C-alpha atoms as a PDB file:
ATOM      1  CA  MET A   1      -3.393  -2.822 -30.407  1.00  0.00           C
ATOM      2  CA  THR A   2      -3.317  -1.793 -26.752  1.00  0.00           C
ATOM      3  CA  ARG A   3      -1.289  -4.098 -24.522  1.00  0.00           C
ATOM      4  CA  VAL A   4      -1.393  -4.288 -20.737  1.00  0.00           C
ATOM      5  CA  ARG A   5       2.091  -4.144 -19.233  1.00  0.00           C
ATOM      6  CA  VAL A   6       3.863  -4.319 -15.886  1.00  0.00           C
ATOM      7  CA  GLN A   7       7.261  -2.597 -15.997  1.00  0.00           C
ATOM      8  CA  ASN A   8      10.250  -2.326 -13.683  1.00  0.00           C
ATOM      9  CA  PHE A   9       8.291  -3.931 -10.835  1.00  0.00           C
ATOM     10  CA  THR A  10      10.774  -5.071  -8.196  1.00  0.00           C
ATOM     11  CA  VAL A  11      10.567  -7.868  -5.656  1.00  0.00           C
ATOM     12  CA  SER A  12      12.938  -9.689  -3.339  1.00  0.00           C
ATOM     13  CA  ARG A  13      14.181 -13.206  -4.104  1.00  0.00           C
ATOM     14  CA  ASP A  14      11.290 -14.575  -2.023  1.00  0.00           C
ATOM     15  CA  GLY A  15       8.786 -12.573  -4.085  1.00  0.00           C
ATOM     16  CA  ILE A  16       8.038  -9.691  -1.703  1.00  0.00           C
ATOM     17  CA  GLY A  17       7.411  -6.295  -3.285  1.00  0.00           C
ATOM     18  CA  ALA A  18       6.264  -4.183  -0.313  1.00  0.00           C
ATOM     19  CA  GLY A  19       6.369  -4.296   3.445  1.00  0.00           C
ATOM     20  CA  GLN A  20       3.930  -4.029   6.279  1.00  0.00           C
ATOM     21  CA  GLU A  21       2.823  -0.948   8.234  1.00  0.00           C
ATOM     22  CA  GLN A  22       2.780   1.481   5.312  1.00  0.00           C
ATOM     23  CA  SER A  23       2.688   5.136   6.368  1.00  0.00           C
ATOM     24  CA  TYR A  24       3.320   8.620   4.984  1.00  0.00           C
ATOM     25  CA  GLU A  25       6.914   8.390   6.165  1.00  0.00           C
ATOM     26  CA  GLN A  26       7.320   4.791   4.937  1.00  0.00           C
ATOM     27  CA  PRO A  27       5.515   4.298   1.595  1.00  0.00           C
ATOM     28  CA  PHE A  28       6.841   0.713   1.336  1.00  0.00           C
ATOM     29  CA  GLY A  29       6.170  -0.126   4.975  1.00  0.00           C
ATOM     30  CA  HIS A  30       9.098  -1.819   6.696  1.00  0.00           C
ATOM     31  CA  VAL A  31      10.839  -2.297   3.319  1.00  0.00           C
ATOM     32  CA  ASP A  32      13.405   0.332   2.345  1.00  0.00           C
ATOM     33  CA  PRO A  33      12.751   1.278  -1.325  1.00  0.00           C
ATOM     34  CA  GLY A  34      16.282   2.649  -1.563  1.00  0.00           C
ATOM     35  CA  GLU A  35      17.499  -0.872  -0.890  1.00  0.00           C
ATOM     36  CA  LEU A  36      14.873  -2.690  -2.966  1.00  0.00           C
ATOM     37  CA  PHE A  37      15.489  -0.559  -6.072  1.00  0.00           C
ATOM     38  CA  THR A  38      19.284  -0.471  -5.988  1.00  0.00           C
ATOM     39  CA  TRP A  39      19.316  -1.787  -9.558  1.00  0.00           C
ATOM     40  CA  ALA A  40      17.324   1.188 -10.884  1.00  0.00           C
ATOM     41  CA  PHE A  41      18.163   4.302  -8.868  1.00  0.00           C
ATOM     42  CA  PRO A  42      21.730   4.644 -10.214  1.00  0.00           C
ATOM     43  CA  THR A  43      20.667   4.513 -13.883  1.00  0.00           C
ATOM     44  CA  ALA A  44      20.716   7.608 -16.041  1.00  0.00           C
ATOM     45  CA  CYS A  45      17.057   7.296 -17.035  1.00  0.00           C
ATOM     46  CA  TRP A  46      15.498   6.539 -13.641  1.00  0.00           C
ATOM     47  CA  PRO A  47      12.283   8.673 -13.736  1.00  0.00           C
ATOM     48  CA  GLY A  48      12.991  10.210 -10.336  1.00  0.00           C
ATOM     49  CA  ARG A  49      16.515  11.369 -11.205  1.00  0.00           C
ATOM     50  CA  THR A  50      17.012  15.098 -10.595  1.00  0.00           C
ATOM     51  CA  ASP A  51      20.776  15.353 -11.155  1.00  0.00           C
ATOM     52  CA  PRO A  52      22.803  14.646 -14.315  1.00  0.00           C
ATOM     53  CA  GLY A  53      24.812  11.506 -14.807  1.00  0.00           C
ATOM     54  CA  GLY A  54      23.891   7.966 -13.911  1.00  0.00           C
ATOM     55  CA  SER A  55      24.894   4.601 -15.287  1.00  0.00           C
ATOM     56  CA  ARG A  56      24.248   3.374 -18.819  1.00  0.00           C
ATOM     57  CA  GLY A  57      23.742  -0.130 -20.129  1.00  0.00           C
ATOM     58  CA  PHE A  58      21.131  -2.885 -19.859  1.00  0.00           C
ATOM     59  CA  GLU A  59      19.385  -1.701 -16.697  1.00  0.00           C
ATOM     60  CA  ASP A  60      19.355   1.894 -17.895  1.00  0.00           C
ATOM     61  CA  HIS A  61      17.607   0.623 -21.027  1.00  0.00           C
ATOM     62  CA  LEU A  62      14.915  -0.857 -18.759  1.00  0.00           C
ATOM     63  CA  THR A  63      14.323   2.393 -16.878  1.00  0.00           C
ATOM     64  CA  ARG A  64      14.306   4.314 -20.167  1.00  0.00           C
ATOM     65  CA  ASP A  65      11.588   1.937 -21.377  1.00  0.00           C
ATOM     66  CA  PHE A  66       9.291   3.038 -18.517  1.00  0.00           C
ATOM     67  CA  ALA A  67       7.376   5.574 -20.621  1.00  0.00           C
ATOM     68  CA  ARG A  68       7.586   3.890 -24.042  1.00  0.00           C
ATOM     69  CA  ASN A  69       4.155   3.800 -25.690  1.00  0.00           C
ATOM     70  CA  ILE A  70       2.328   4.146 -22.353  1.00  0.00           C
ATOM     71  CA  GLY A  71      -0.958   6.021 -22.651  1.00  0.00           C
ATOM     72  CA  ALA A  72      -2.463   5.382 -19.190  1.00  0.00           C
ATOM     73  CA  GLU A  73      -1.650   3.772 -15.846  1.00  0.00           C
ATOM     74  CA  ILE A  74      -3.719   1.863 -13.305  1.00  0.00           C
ATOM     75  CA  MET A  75      -2.557   1.768  -9.681  1.00  0.00           C
ATOM     76  CA  GLY A  76      -3.961   0.719  -6.348  1.00  0.00           C
ATOM     77  CA  ARG A  77      -4.815   3.228  -3.688  1.00  0.00           C
ATOM     78  CA  ASN A  78      -1.850   2.141  -1.567  1.00  0.00           C
ATOM     79  CA  LYS A  79       0.514   3.246  -4.329  1.00  0.00           C
ATOM     80  CA  PHE A  80      -1.174   6.650  -4.413  1.00  0.00           C
ATOM     81  CA  GLY A  81      -0.954   7.239  -0.672  1.00  0.00           C
ATOM     82  CA  PRO A  82      -1.229   5.750   2.824  1.00  0.00           C
ATOM     83  CA  GLN A  83      -4.761   6.919   3.727  1.00  0.00           C
ATOM     84  CA  ARG A  84      -7.394   4.241   4.297  1.00  0.00           C
ATOM     85  CA  GLY A  85     -11.178   4.462   4.265  1.00  0.00           C
ATOM     86  CA  PRO A  86     -12.967   7.733   3.424  1.00  0.00           C
ATOM     87  CA  TRP A  87     -10.646  10.546   2.379  1.00  0.00           C
ATOM     88  CA  ALA A  88      -9.969  12.594   5.494  1.00  0.00           C
ATOM     89  CA  ASP A  89      -7.947  15.166   3.553  1.00  0.00           C
ATOM     90  CA  GLU A  90      -8.606  15.651  -0.165  1.00  0.00           C
ATOM     91  CA  SER A  91      -6.112  18.507  -0.297  1.00  0.00           C
ATOM     92  CA  TRP A  92      -3.291  15.951  -0.081  1.00  0.00           C
ATOM     93  CA  GLN A  93      -2.454  14.873  -3.631  1.00  0.00           C
ATOM     94  CA  GLY A  94      -0.276  11.818  -3.225  1.00  0.00           C
ATOM     95  CA  TRP A  95       3.398  11.044  -2.889  1.00  0.00           C
ATOM     96  CA  TRP A  96       4.360  12.187  -6.361  1.00  0.00           C
ATOM     97  CA  GLY A  97       5.054  15.901  -6.024  1.00  0.00           C
ATOM     98  CA  ASP A  98       4.119  18.704  -8.415  1.00  0.00           C
ATOM     99  CA  GLU A  99       5.290  16.791 -11.513  1.00  0.00           C
ATOM    100  CA  PRO A 100       4.537  13.071 -11.135  1.00  0.00           C
ATOM    101  CA  PRO A 101       6.571  10.728 -13.350  1.00  0.00           C
ATOM    102  CA  PHE A 102       3.561   9.331 -15.231  1.00  0.00           C
ATOM    103  CA  HIS A 103       2.631  12.113 -17.722  1.00  0.00           C
ATOM    104  CA  THR A 104      -0.591  10.237 -18.597  1.00  0.00           C
ATOM    105  CA  PRO A 105      -4.037   9.674 -17.126  1.00  0.00           C
ATOM    106  CA  VAL A 106      -3.691   7.540 -13.959  1.00  0.00           C
ATOM    107  CA  PHE A 107      -6.615   5.503 -12.646  1.00  0.00           C
ATOM    108  CA  VAL A 108      -6.469   4.872  -8.890  1.00  0.00           C
ATOM    109  CA  LEU A 109      -8.536   1.936  -7.653  1.00  0.00           C
ATOM    110  CA  THR A 110     -10.368   2.736  -4.429  1.00  0.00           C
ATOM    111  CA  HIS A 111     -13.689   2.052  -2.731  1.00  0.00           C
ATOM    112  CA  HIS A 112     -13.849   5.755  -1.857  1.00  0.00           C
ATOM    113  CA  VAL A 113     -13.945   7.885  -4.985  1.00  0.00           C
ATOM    114  CA  ARG A 114     -12.981  11.548  -5.045  1.00  0.00           C
ATOM    115  CA  PRO A 115     -12.825  14.213  -7.778  1.00  0.00           C
ATOM    116  CA  SER A 116     -10.132  13.928 -10.429  1.00  0.00           C
ATOM    117  CA  PHE A 117      -7.260  16.410 -10.395  1.00  0.00           C
ATOM    118  CA  SER A 118      -4.169  17.177 -12.467  1.00  0.00           C
ATOM    119  CA  LEU A 119      -0.560  17.700 -11.454  1.00  0.00           C
ATOM    120  CA  GLY A 120       1.632  18.760 -14.351  1.00  0.00           C
ATOM    121  CA  GLU A 121       0.983  16.380 -17.247  1.00  0.00           C
ATOM    122  CA  THR A 122      -0.631  13.725 -15.037  1.00  0.00           C
ATOM    123  CA  THR A 123      -4.350  13.519 -14.253  1.00  0.00           C
ATOM    124  CA  PHE A 124      -5.469  11.228 -11.425  1.00  0.00           C
ATOM    125  CA  HIS A 125      -8.915   9.619 -11.626  1.00  0.00           C
ATOM    126  CA  PHE A 126     -10.385   7.603  -8.749  1.00  0.00           C
ATOM    127  CA  LEU A 127     -12.458   4.523  -9.553  1.00  0.00           C
ATOM    128  CA  ASP A 128     -14.486   2.049  -7.544  1.00  0.00           C
ATOM    129  CA  ALA A 129     -14.359  -0.566 -10.269  1.00  0.00           C
ATOM    130  CA  THR A 130     -13.445  -4.125 -11.159  1.00  0.00           C
ATOM    131  CA  PRO A 131     -10.175  -4.726 -13.011  1.00  0.00           C
ATOM    132  CA  GLN A 132     -12.143  -5.207 -16.223  1.00  0.00           C
ATOM    133  CA  GLU A 133     -14.042  -1.929 -15.764  1.00  0.00           C
ATOM    134  CA  ALA A 134     -10.901   0.002 -14.853  1.00  0.00           C
ATOM    135  CA  LEU A 135      -9.039  -1.418 -17.829  1.00  0.00           C
ATOM    136  CA  ALA A 136     -11.853  -0.424 -20.184  1.00  0.00           C
ATOM    137  CA  GLN A 137     -11.609   3.198 -19.018  1.00  0.00           C
ATOM    138  CA  ALA A 138      -7.807   3.214 -19.099  1.00  0.00           C
ATOM    139  CA  THR A 139      -7.765   1.697 -22.590  1.00  0.00           C
ATOM    140  CA  MET A 140     -10.064   4.426 -23.859  1.00  0.00           C
ATOM    141  CA  ALA A 141      -7.876   7.101 -22.242  1.00  0.00           C
ATOM    142  CA  ALA A 142      -4.697   5.528 -23.694  1.00  0.00           C
ATOM    143  CA  GLU A 143      -5.944   6.230 -27.238  1.00  0.00           C
ATOM    144  CA  GLY A 144      -4.251   3.239 -28.836  1.00  0.00           C
ATOM    145  CA  GLN A 145      -1.160   3.197 -26.635  1.00  0.00           C
ATOM    146  CA  ASP A 146      -0.488   0.635 -23.906  1.00  0.00           C
ATOM    147  CA  VAL A 147      -1.809   0.567 -20.344  1.00  0.00           C
ATOM    148  CA  ARG A 148       0.664   0.061 -17.496  1.00  0.00           C
ATOM    149  CA  ILE A 149      -0.390  -1.731 -14.309  1.00  0.00           C
ATOM    150  CA  GLY A 150       1.750   0.213 -11.891  1.00  0.00           C
ATOM    151  CA  GLY A 151       1.166  -1.677  -8.640  1.00  0.00           C
ATOM    152  CA  GLY A 152       1.345  -2.187  -5.818  1.00  0.00           C
ATOM    153  CA  VAL A 153       1.587  -5.904  -5.247  1.00  0.00           C
ATOM    154  CA  SER A 154      -2.120  -6.462  -4.577  1.00  0.00           C
ATOM    155  CA  THR A 155      -3.135  -4.619  -7.742  1.00  0.00           C
ATOM    156  CA  VAL A 156      -0.732  -6.584  -9.949  1.00  0.00           C
ATOM    157  CA  ARG A 157      -1.998  -9.832  -8.435  1.00  0.00           C
ATOM    158  CA  GLU A 158      -5.599  -8.759  -8.964  1.00  0.00           C
ATOM    159  CA  PHE A 159      -4.968  -8.125 -12.677  1.00  0.00           C
ATOM    160  CA  LEU A 160      -3.055 -11.388 -13.003  1.00  0.00           C
ATOM    161  CA  GLU A 161      -5.930 -13.283 -11.407  1.00  0.00           C
ATOM    162  CA  ALA A 162      -8.304 -11.604 -13.870  1.00  0.00           C
ATOM    163  CA  ASP A 163      -5.933 -12.714 -16.689  1.00  0.00           C
ATOM    164  CA  LEU A 164      -5.686  -9.159 -18.047  1.00  0.00           C
ATOM    165  CA  ILE A 165      -1.892  -8.696 -18.293  1.00  0.00           C
ATOM    166  CA  ASP A 166      -0.054  -9.236 -21.576  1.00  0.00           C
ATOM    167  CA  GLU A 167       3.576  -8.768 -20.554  1.00  0.00           C
ATOM    168  CA  MET A 168       5.646  -8.167 -17.425  1.00  0.00           C
ATOM    169  CA  HIS A 169       9.135  -7.122 -16.427  1.00  0.00           C
ATOM    170  CA  ILE A 170       9.900  -8.062 -12.826  1.00  0.00           C
ATOM    171  CA  ALA A 171      13.308  -7.276 -11.301  1.00  0.00           C
ATOM    172  CA  VAL A 172      14.263  -9.808  -8.622  1.00  0.00           C
ATOM    173  CA  ALA A 173      16.721  -8.774  -5.912  1.00  0.00           C
ATOM    174  CA  PRO A 174      19.470 -11.232  -4.901  1.00  0.00           C
ATOM    175  CA  TRP A 175      18.302 -11.355  -1.283  1.00  0.00           C
ATOM    176  CA  GLU A 176      15.166 -12.189   0.717  1.00  0.00           C
ATOM    177  CA  LEU A 177      12.916 -10.032   2.882  1.00  0.00           C
ATOM    178  CA  GLY A 178      11.067 -12.759   4.772  1.00  0.00           C
ATOM    179  CA  THR A 179       7.814 -10.866   5.428  1.00  0.00           C
ATOM    180  CA  GLY A 180       5.631  -8.515   3.428  1.00  0.00           C
ATOM    181  CA  LEU A 181       3.277  -8.479   0.442  1.00  0.00           C
ATOM    182  CA  LYS A 182       4.247 -11.273  -1.926  1.00  0.00           C
ATOM    183  CA  LEU A 183       3.816 -11.203  -5.694  1.00  0.00           C
ATOM    184  CA  TRP A 184       4.667 -14.881  -6.196  1.00  0.00           C
ATOM    185  CA  GLU A 185       6.495 -17.864  -4.815  1.00  0.00           C
ATOM    186  CA  SER A 186       8.318 -18.232  -8.131  1.00  0.00           C
ATOM    187  CA  PRO A 187       7.807 -16.849 -11.652  1.00  0.00           C
ATOM    188  CA  GLU A 188       7.379 -20.466 -12.856  1.00  0.00           C
ATOM    189  CA  GLU A 189       3.856 -20.424 -11.447  1.00  0.00           C
ATOM    190  CA  LEU A 190       2.910 -18.162 -14.381  1.00  0.00           C
ATOM    191  CA  THR A 191       4.433 -20.265 -17.154  1.00  0.00           C
ATOM    192  CA  ASP A 192       1.096 -21.946 -17.855  1.00  0.00           C
ATOM    193  CA  ARG A 193       0.154 -18.757 -19.722  1.00  0.00           C
ATOM    194  CA  PHE A 194       3.366 -16.727 -20.146  1.00  0.00           C
ATOM    195  CA  GLU A 195       6.717 -17.314 -21.773  1.00  0.00           C
ATOM    196  CA  LEU A 196       9.532 -16.630 -19.296  1.00  0.00           C
ATOM    197  CA  GLU A 197      13.104 -15.490 -19.800  1.00  0.00           C
ATOM    198  CA  ARG A 198      15.601 -14.451 -17.126  1.00  0.00           C
ATOM    199  CA  ILE A 199      18.595 -12.153 -17.514  1.00  0.00           C
ATOM    200  CA  THR A 200      20.991 -11.536 -14.605  1.00  0.00           C
ATOM    201  CA  ALA A 201      22.567  -8.071 -14.667  1.00  0.00           C
ATOM    202  CA  ASP A 202      25.873  -6.852 -13.266  1.00  0.00           C
ATOM    203  CA  SER A 203      23.923  -5.448 -10.296  1.00  0.00           C
ATOM    204  CA  GLY A 204      23.134  -9.016  -9.227  1.00  0.00           C
ATOM    205  CA  TYR A 205      19.412  -8.583  -9.930  1.00  0.00           C
ATOM    206  CA  THR A 206      17.679 -11.120 -12.149  1.00  0.00           C
ATOM    207  CA  HIS A 207      15.260  -9.542 -14.593  1.00  0.00           C
ATOM    208  CA  CYS A 208      12.289 -11.744 -15.440  1.00  0.00           C
ATOM    209  CA  PHE A 209      10.481 -11.054 -18.692  1.00  0.00           C
ATOM    210  CA  LEU A 210       7.085 -12.676 -19.173  1.00  0.00           C
ATOM    211  CA  TRP A 211       4.952 -12.386 -22.291  1.00  0.00           C
ATOM    212  CA  ARG A 212       2.059 -14.122 -24.010  1.00  0.00           C
END
């Protein structure tokens, strides 16, 4: 049975997962991703790691779990790139380089569709669709595996509001950002439909696991 999952999504203690004024140079806006993801970047299995080594243990297990049984991903346009409105430059193929870390079909939600293209083992499709419609296409592409809702914040909230997510792992930093795009005020606001368990790691981050 296909499940819909959010994995390794990271927010500050006040629930902010991305900043304002996103640009090509600043994919997370005024938020420094190197600071926000300090729990994950040092791990041995972080998908973006290019050098050997890295830490092992609980948080490495979480980054290693990133690709487990994932057959497709859905992301918002802001996670794909900073362009807004009609595509001014379709030759630009996102922030992810020649070998994106997804290795599956990826469905990008946008009001301005463009032709699909492949980079390495990842194929990007562009949909002007509701969450339900996008999930139907991603589920078919996943061929029995799970579908990951990759973000950003607005996309995760949209799928939560549509009640389409089965399980979530949210890493919560031990400090606040104050301003930016907020996932939640507190994970307790989801306990009307999810079980919730917290585990605090040696990094100081609290990992929230929510499931049906």
